[in-house]
C-alpha atoms as a PDB file:
ATOM      1  CA  MET A   1     119.494 146.153 105.487  1.00  0.00           C
ATOM      2  CA  ALA A   2     119.121 144.380 108.589  1.00  0.00           C
ATOM      3  CA  LYS A   3     121.422 146.920 110.263  1.00  0.00           C
ATOM      4  CA  THR A   4     119.442 149.667 108.662  1.00  0.00           C
ATOM      5  CA  MET A   5     115.745 147.789 109.389  1.00  0.00           C
ATOM      6  CA  LEU A   6     116.619 147.482 113.287  1.00  0.00           C
ATOM      7  CA  SER A   7     118.520 150.723 113.701  1.00  0.00           C
ATOM      8  CA  GLU A   8     114.474 152.535 112.989  1.00  0.00           C
ATOM      9  CA  GLN A   9     113.622 150.855 115.729  1.00  0.00           C
ATOM     10  CA  ASP A  10     113.646 152.002 119.202  1.00  0.00           C
ATOM     11  CA  PHE A  11     115.994 149.095 120.475  1.00  0.00           C
ATOM     12  CA  GLY A  12     118.492 149.935 117.085  1.00  0.00           C
ATOM     13  CA  LYS A  13     118.918 154.110 118.536  1.00  0.00           C
ATOM     14  CA  THR A  14     120.645 152.718 122.013  1.00  0.00           C
ATOM     15  CA  GLY A  15     124.132 152.441 122.233  1.00  0.00           C
ATOM     16  CA  GLN A  16     124.318 148.689 123.409  1.00  0.00           C
ATOM     17  CA  PHE A  17     122.649 147.723 120.122  1.00  0.00           C
ATOM     18  CA  ARG A  18     125.517 149.576 117.824  1.00  0.00           C
ATOM     19  CA  ALA A  19     127.914 147.742 119.840  1.00  0.00           C
ATOM     20  CA  VAL A  20     126.619 144.503 119.603  1.00  0.00           C
ATOM     21  CA  TRP A  21     126.810 144.837 116.000  1.00  0.00           C
ATOM     22  CA  SER A  22     130.243 146.202 115.756  1.00  0.00           C
ATOM     23  CA  SER A  23     130.975 142.781 117.714  1.00  0.00           C
ATOM     24  CA  MET A  24     129.254 140.494 115.220  1.00  0.00           C
ATOM     25  CA  GLU A  25     130.207 142.056 112.115  1.00  0.00           C
ATOM     26  CA  THR A  26     133.501 141.693 113.630  1.00  0.00           C
ATOM     27  CA  LEU A  27     133.227 137.735 114.061  1.00  0.00           C
ATOM     28  CA  LEU A  28     131.879 137.449 110.750  1.00  0.00           C
ATOM     29  CA  LEU A  29     134.540 139.388 109.324  1.00  0.00           C
ATOM     30  CA  SER A  30     137.262 137.575 111.021  1.00  0.00           C
ATOM     31  CA  TYR A  31     136.015 134.089 111.918  1.00  0.00           C
ATOM     32  CA  ASP A  32     139.539 132.051 112.432  1.00  0.00           C
ATOM     33  CA  GLU A  33     138.075 128.261 112.297  1.00  0.00           C
ATOM     34  CA  THR A  34     141.786 127.081 112.390  1.00  0.00           C
ATOM     35  CA  PRO A  35     141.083 125.588 116.216  1.00  0.00           C
ATOM     36  CA  TYR A  36     138.100 123.593 114.938  1.00  0.00           C
ATOM     37  CA  VAL A  37     139.704 122.153 111.663  1.00  0.00           C
ATOM     38  CA  SER A  38     142.393 120.052 110.836  1.00  0.00           C
ATOM     39  CA  ALA A  39     145.379 121.080 108.713  1.00  0.00           C
ATOM     40  CA  SER A  40     145.024 118.759 105.850  1.00  0.00           C
ATOM     41  CA  TYR A  41     141.382 120.153 105.942  1.00  0.00           C
ATOM     42  CA  GLN A  42     142.213 123.516 105.628  1.00  0.00           C
ATOM     43  CA  THR A  43     145.006 122.308 102.789  1.00  0.00           C
ATOM     44  CA  SER A  44     142.305 121.364 101.040  1.00  0.00           C
ATOM     45  CA  LEU A  45     139.866 124.022 101.149  1.00  0.00           C
ATOM     46  CA  GLU A  46     142.961 126.252  99.846  1.00  0.00           C
ATOM     47  CA  GLY A  47     142.317 126.752  96.043  1.00  0.00           C
ATOM     48  CA  ALA A  48     139.207 125.366  96.078  1.00  0.00           C
ATOM     49  CA  GLY A  49     137.513 128.158  93.925  1.00  0.00           C
ATOM     50  CA  ALA A  50     140.558 127.701  91.047  1.00  0.00           C
ATOM     51  CA  ARG A  51     139.790 123.952  91.002  1.00  0.00           C
ATOM     52  CA  GLY A  52     136.504 124.141  90.381  1.00  0.00           C
ATOM     53  CA  GLU A  53     136.550 126.648  87.836  1.00  0.00           C
ATOM     54  CA  MET A  54     139.553 123.661  86.260  1.00  0.00           C
ATOM     55  CA  LEU A  55     136.458 120.895  86.663  1.00  0.00           C
ATOM     56  CA  ALA A  56     134.757 122.647  84.873  1.00  0.00           C
ATOM     57  CA  GLY A  57     137.197 123.504  81.686  1.00  0.00           C
ATOM     58  CA  ARG A  58     137.078 119.757  81.485  1.00  0.00           C
ATOM     59  CA  ASP A  59     135.923 117.302  79.107  1.00  0.00           C
ATOM     60  CA  LEU A  60     132.303 115.057  81.637  1.00  0.00           C
ATOM     61  CA  PRO A  61     133.774 112.145  82.884  1.00  0.00           C
ATOM     62  CA  PRO A  62     132.788 108.968  80.629  1.00  0.00           C
ATOM     63  CA  GLU A  63     131.504 107.135  83.102  1.00  0.00           C
ATOM     64  CA  LEU A  64     128.595 109.859  83.267  1.00  0.00           C
ATOM     65  CA  PRO A  65     126.064 107.885  81.116  1.00  0.00           C
ATOM     66  CA  GLU A  66     126.546 105.054  83.387  1.00  0.00           C
ATOM     67  CA  TRP A  67     126.070 107.251  86.452  1.00  0.00           C
ATOM     68  CA  ILE A  68     122.823 108.662  84.849  1.00  0.00           C
ATOM     69  CA  GLU A  69     121.863 105.248  83.846  1.00  0.00           C
ATOM     70  CA  SER A  70     122.085 104.138  86.954  1.00  0.00           C
ATOM     71  CA  LEU A  71     119.247 106.449  88.458  1.00  0.00           C
ATOM     72  CA  GLU A  72     116.393 105.620  86.071  1.00  0.00           C
ATOM     73  CA  GLN A  73     113.208 104.079  87.406  1.00  0.00           C
ATOM     74  CA  GLU A  74     114.272 100.394  86.595  1.00  0.00           C
ATOM     75  CA  ASN A  75     117.805 100.675  88.763  1.00  0.00           C
ATOM     76  CA  VAL A  76     116.265 102.191  91.335  1.00  0.00           C
ATOM     77  CA  ARG A  77     113.633  99.327  91.328  1.00  0.00           C
ATOM     78  CA  SER A  78     115.828  96.683  91.536  1.00  0.00           C
ATOM     79  CA  LEU A  79     118.079  98.502  94.013  1.00  0.00           C
ATOM     80  CA  SER A  80     115.059  98.570  96.250  1.00  0.00           C
ATOM     81  CA  ALA A  81     114.052  94.803  95.830  1.00  0.00           C
ATOM     82  CA  MET A  82     118.123  93.826  96.287  1.00  0.00           C
ATOM     83  CA  LEU A  83     118.390  96.050  99.335  1.00  0.00           C
ATOM     84  CA  ILE A  84     115.190  95.056 101.198  1.00  0.00           C
ATOM     85  CA  THR A  85     115.373  91.040 100.385  1.00  0.00           C
ATOM     86  CA  ASP A  86     118.915  91.307 101.761  1.00  0.00           C
ATOM     87  CA  LEU A  87     117.076  93.071 104.822  1.00  0.00           C
ATOM     88  CA  LEU A  88     115.366  90.616 105.627  1.00  0.00           C
ATOM     89  CA  ARG A  89     117.413  88.353 104.977  1.00  0.00           C
ATOM     90  CA  LEU A  90     119.835  89.099 107.342  1.00  0.00           C
ATOM     91  CA  GLU A  91     117.566  90.221 110.520  1.00  0.00           C
ATOM     92  CA  GLU A  92     117.137  88.180 113.577  1.00  0.00           C
ATOM     93  CA  ILE A  93     114.865  90.331 115.482  1.00  0.00           C
ATOM     94  CA  PRO A  94     111.459  89.406 114.909  1.00  0.00           C
ATOM     95  CA  GLU A  95     109.747  92.555 115.590  1.00  0.00           C
ATOM     96  CA  ARG A  96     111.713  94.205 112.633  1.00  0.00           C
ATOM     97  CA  ALA A  97     111.624  91.147 110.988  1.00  0.00           C
ATOM     98  CA  ALA A  98     108.126  91.216 110.918  1.00  0.00           C
ATOM     99  CA  ASP A  99     108.022  95.450 109.967  1.00  0.00           C
ATOM    100  CA  ILE A 100     110.317  94.437 106.801  1.00  0.00           C
ATOM    101  CA  THR A 101     107.668  92.363 105.439  1.00  0.00           C
ATOM    102  CA  ARG A 102     104.912  94.783 105.574  1.00  0.00           C
ATOM    103  CA  ASP A 103     106.808  97.093 103.823  1.00  0.00           C
ATOM    104  CA  MET A 104     107.640  94.753 101.346  1.00  0.00           C
ATOM    105  CA  VAL A 105     104.322  94.223 100.313  1.00  0.00           C
ATOM    106  CA  ALA A 106     104.124  98.109 100.053  1.00  0.00           C
ATOM    107  CA  LEU A 107     106.735  96.811  97.411  1.00  0.00           C
ATOM    108  CA  VAL A 108     105.797  94.572  95.618  1.00  0.00           C
ATOM    109  CA  ASP A 109     102.169  96.557  95.060  1.00  0.00           C
ATOM    110  CA  ASP A 110     104.528  99.185  93.512  1.00  0.00           C
ATOM    111  CA  LEU A 111     106.214  96.822  91.224  1.00  0.00           C
ATOM    112  CA  MET A 112     103.139  94.959  90.186  1.00  0.00           C
ATOM    113  CA  MET A 113     101.334  98.805  89.111  1.00  0.00           C
ATOM    114  CA  ALA A 114     105.174  99.216  87.215  1.00  0.00           C
ATOM    115  CA  GLY A 115     104.307  95.958  85.424  1.00  0.00           C
ATOM    116  CA  ASP A 116     108.426  94.971  87.105  1.00  0.00           C
ATOM    117  CA  PHE A 117     107.542  91.325  87.755  1.00  0.00           C
ATOM    118  CA  ALA A 118     111.609  89.969  87.591  1.00  0.00           C
ATOM    119  CA  ASN A 119     111.947  91.952  90.754  1.00  0.00           C
ATOM    120  CA  ALA A 120     108.322  91.324  91.952  1.00  0.00           C
ATOM    121  CA  LEU A 121     109.917  88.024  91.974  1.00  0.00           C
ATOM    122  CA  LEU A 122     112.670  88.440  93.937  1.00  0.00           C
ATOM    123  CA  VAL A 123     110.657  89.605  97.270  1.00  0.00           C
ATOM    124  CA  LEU A 124     108.139  87.512  96.936  1.00  0.00           C
ATOM    125  CA  GLN A 125     110.602  84.421  97.100  1.00  0.00           C
ATOM    126  CA  GLU A 126     112.339  86.107  99.860  1.00  0.00           C
ATOM    127  CA  LEU A 127     109.140  86.273 101.768  1.00  0.00           C
ATOM    128  CA  GLN A 128     108.307  82.801 100.663  1.00  0.00           C
ATOM    129  CA  ARG A 129     111.471  81.577 102.184  1.00  0.00           C
ATOM    130  CA  THR A 130     110.809  83.191 105.200  1.00  0.00           C
ATOM    131  CA  SER A 131     107.253  81.592 105.850  1.00  0.00           C
ATOM    132  CA  LYS A 132     109.325  78.438 106.548  1.00  0.00           C
ATOM    133  CA  GLY A 133     112.107  80.154 108.765  1.00  0.00           C
ATOM    134  CA  LYS A 134     112.370  80.303 112.354  1.00  0.00           C
ATOM    135  CA  VAL A 135     112.190  84.367 112.417  1.00  0.00           C
ATOM    136  CA  ALA A 136     108.477  86.223 111.154  1.00  0.00           C
ATOM    137  CA  ALA A 137     107.583  83.283 109.390  1.00  0.00           C
ATOM    138  CA  ALA A 138     103.517  84.216 110.627  1.00  0.00           C
ATOM    139  CA  ALA A 139     104.375  88.115 109.293  1.00  0.00           C
ATOM    140  CA  ALA A 140     105.657  86.927 105.985  1.00  0.00           C
ATOM    141  CA  ARG A 141     102.575  84.244 105.201  1.00  0.00           C
ATOM    142  CA  ALA A 142     100.447  87.172 106.767  1.00  0.00           C
ATOM    143  CA  ALA A 143     102.383  89.104 104.131  1.00  0.00           C
ATOM    144  CA  LEU A 144     101.972  86.959 101.066  1.00  0.00           C
ATOM    145  CA  THR A 145      98.129  86.800 101.762  1.00  0.00           C
ATOM    146  CA  SER A 146      98.243  91.018 101.830  1.00  0.00           C
ATOM    147  CA  VAL A 147     100.231  90.995  98.161  1.00  0.00           C
ATOM    148  CA  GLY A 148      96.993  88.631  97.042  1.00  0.00           C
ATOM    149  CA  ASP A 149      94.640  91.210  97.817  1.00  0.00           C
ATOM    150  CA  SER A 150      96.694  94.149  96.348  1.00  0.00           C
ATOM    151  CA  ALA A 151      95.802  96.644  94.056  1.00  0.00           C
ATOM    152  CA  GLY A 152      98.691  96.283  91.808  1.00  0.00           C
ATOM    153  CA  ILE A 153      98.473  92.106  91.704  1.00  0.00           C
ATOM    154  CA  ARG A 154      94.103  93.002  90.896  1.00  0.00           C
ATOM    155  CA  GLU A 155      95.583  95.343  88.366  1.00  0.00           C
ATOM    156  CA  ALA A 156      98.684  93.720  86.945  1.00  0.00           C
ATOM    157  CA  ALA A 157      95.487  90.303  86.641  1.00  0.00           C
ATOM    158  CA  GLY A 158      93.498  92.589  84.662  1.00  0.00           C
ATOM    159  CA  LEU A 159      96.050  93.007  81.659  1.00  0.00           C
ATOM    160  CA  LEU A 160      97.156  89.049  82.199  1.00  0.00           C
ATOM    161  CA  GLY A 161      95.691  88.897  77.822  1.00  0.00           C
ATOM    162  CA  ASP A 162      98.414  91.752  77.024  1.00  0.00           C
ATOM    163  CA  PHE A 163     101.478  90.334  78.326  1.00  0.00           C
ATOM    164  CA  ASP A 164     103.882  88.760  76.419  1.00  0.00           C
ATOM    165  CA  ASP A 165     104.912  84.806  77.366  1.00  0.00           C
ATOM    166  CA  GLU A 166     108.038  86.257  79.255  1.00  0.00           C
ATOM    167  CA  GLY A 167     106.030  88.536  81.086  1.00  0.00           C
ATOM    168  CA  ALA A 168     103.782  85.794  81.619  1.00  0.00           C
ATOM    169  CA  LYS A 169     105.770  83.357  83.249  1.00  0.00           C
ATOM    170  CA  THR A 170     107.248  85.546  85.233  1.00  0.00           C
ATOM    171  CA  PHE A 171     103.541  86.849  86.306  1.00  0.00           C
ATOM    172  CA  LYS A 172     102.538  83.076  87.455  1.00  0.00           C
ATOM    173  CA  GLN A 173     105.684  82.748  89.046  1.00  0.00           C
ATOM    174  CA  CYS A 174     104.593  85.568  91.036  1.00  0.00           C
ATOM    175  CA  CYS A 175     101.049  84.019  91.720  1.00  0.00           C
ATOM    176  CA  GLU A 176     102.974  80.610  92.967  1.00  0.00           C
ATOM    177  CA  ALA A 177     105.184  82.509  95.250  1.00  0.00           C
ATOM    178  CA  ILE A 178     101.839  84.155  96.480  1.00  0.00           C
ATOM    179  CA  GLY A 179      99.789  80.862  96.987  1.00  0.00           C
ATOM    180  CA  PRO A 180      95.488  80.300  96.815  1.00  0.00           C
ATOM    181  CA  SER A 181      94.820  84.000  98.197  1.00  0.00           C
ATOM    182  CA  VAL A 182      96.753  85.444  94.925  1.00  0.00           C
ATOM    183  CA  ILE A 183      92.989  83.638  93.021  1.00  0.00           C
ATOM    184  CA  ARG A 184      91.065  86.601  94.630  1.00  0.00           C
ATOM    185  CA  ALA A 185      92.665  89.410  92.117  1.00  0.00           C
ATOM    186  CA  LEU A 186      92.344  86.918  89.369  1.00  0.00           C
ATOM    187  CA  HIS A 187      88.533  85.925  89.949  1.00  0.00           C
ATOM    188  CA  PRO A 188      87.192  88.312  87.719  1.00  0.00           C
ATOM    189  CA  VAL A 189      88.951  87.089  84.966  1.00  0.00           C
ATOM    190  CA  LEU A 190      88.377  83.463  85.578  1.00  0.00           C
ATOM    191  CA  GLN A 191      84.545  84.413  85.827  1.00  0.00           C
ATOM    192  CA  ASN A 192      84.381  84.819  81.939  1.00  0.00           C
ATOM    193  CA  GLU A 193      84.955  81.831  80.859  1.00  0.00           C
ATOM    194  CA  LYS A 194      85.315  82.524  77.665  1.00  0.00           C
ATOM    195  CA  GLU A 195      89.041  81.284  75.789  1.00  0.00           C
ATOM    196  CA  THR A 196      90.708  84.231  76.162  1.00  0.00           C
ATOM    197  CA  PRO A 197      94.432  84.506  76.053  1.00  0.00           C
ATOM    198  CA  ALA A 198      93.638  86.145  79.680  1.00  0.00           C
ATOM    199  CA  PHE A 199      91.413  83.330  80.529  1.00  0.00           C
ATOM    200  CA  ARG A 200      93.488  80.673  79.724  1.00  0.00           C
ATOM    201  CA  ARG A 201      96.776  82.484  81.240  1.00  0.00           C
ATOM    202  CA  ALA A 202      94.626  82.735  84.901  1.00  0.00           C
ATOM    203  CA  ARG A 203      93.298  79.269  84.382  1.00  0.00           C
ATOM    204  CA  ASP A 204      96.516  77.632  84.329  1.00  0.00           C
ATOM    205  CA  ILE A 205      97.809  79.692  87.547  1.00  0.00           C
ATOM    206  CA  ALA A 206      94.660  78.287  89.297  1.00  0.00           C
ATOM    207  CA  GLN A 207      95.090  75.038  88.505  1.00  0.00           C
ATOM    208  CA  GLN A 208      98.638  75.323  89.646  1.00  0.00           C
ATOM    209  CA  PHE A 209      97.455  75.033  93.103  1.00  0.00           C
ATOM    210  CA  GLY A 210      94.922  71.935  92.949  1.00  0.00           C
ATOM    211  CA  ALA A 211      94.172  70.396  96.311  1.00  0.00           C
ATOM    212  CA  ALA A 212      94.534  74.023  98.383  1.00  0.00           C
ATOM    213  CA  LEU A 213      92.180  75.329  95.948  1.00  0.00           C
ATOM    214  CA  LEU A 214      89.455  72.934  95.866  1.00  0.00           C
ATOM    215  CA  ALA A 215      89.704  73.029  99.887  1.00  0.00           C
ATOM    216  CA  ARG A 216      88.396  76.556  99.487  1.00  0.00           C
ATOM    217  CA  GLY A 217      85.830  75.467  97.535  1.00  0.00           C
ATOM    218  CA  ARG A 218      82.621  77.101  98.300  1.00  0.00           C
ATOM    219  CA  GLU A 219      80.235  80.334  97.752  1.00  0.00           C
ATOM    220  CA  ARG A 220      82.377  81.922  96.012  1.00  0.00           C
ATOM    221  CA  TRP A 221      85.563  79.948  95.239  1.00  0.00           C
ATOM    222  CA  GLU A 222      82.652  76.847  93.506  1.00  0.00           C
ATOM    223  CA  GLY A 223      83.417  78.030  90.076  1.00  0.00           C
ATOM    224  CA  ILE A 224      86.882  78.336  90.147  1.00  0.00           C
ATOM    225  CA  ALA A 225      86.873  74.917  91.470  1.00  0.00           C
ATOM    226  CA  ARG A 226      85.100  73.495  89.136  1.00  0.00           C
ATOM    227  CA  LEU A 227      87.180  74.736  86.756  1.00  0.00           C
ATOM    228  CA  VAL A 228      90.447  72.934  88.414  1.00  0.00           C
ATOM    229  CA  ARG A 229      88.590  69.733  88.555  1.00  0.00           C
ATOM    230  CA  GLY A 230      87.698  69.947  84.569  1.00  0.00           C
ATOM    231  CA  ALA A 231      91.686  70.309  83.704  1.00  0.00           C
END
């Protein structure tokens, strides 16, 4: 079709075009890749079509369900948490480590949105460990503060009364790893001051910070600090 279209143009009516097209056809139809690939690779290509037909006729491999399961969201989240924590643990250049901590904030936000507190806890604990180390300690502390202000932690805090006991326990551990900045996310629940499951759980989390929270007990923190003092 390309040849027909080009032949209708002025260029296609010249002898040079016919010569170029003939050379291109020769190149495409008689191309020899032998000088560029190894003998073993050429051998592997021979009969590839026949081998494909043979494999297509076989039963599916018994490992297929496990392979498919590895692509599910839960496994992908677990792998993401594992890889990014390993990456931060191995990084020795402060600037690069700081970049990783910012990526971890985004990951924790997504994990919180998905209700995956177990993997969020792994990431937060690694940030907590880094905040006490020598490489990117300040960046890790800033990342933990950012998590305390994230949309994911606020949404999770709003659903605190709906968690089962195990979920509430893991979420509490996440909050403890984040630090006192998480109280901002719990503030709407604590303002209620009614003995609802969500209020009791939020109050229990706030009480873990003790003096750190009381030191912030001014202005909008006064009501929360009073709850801790009265515990």
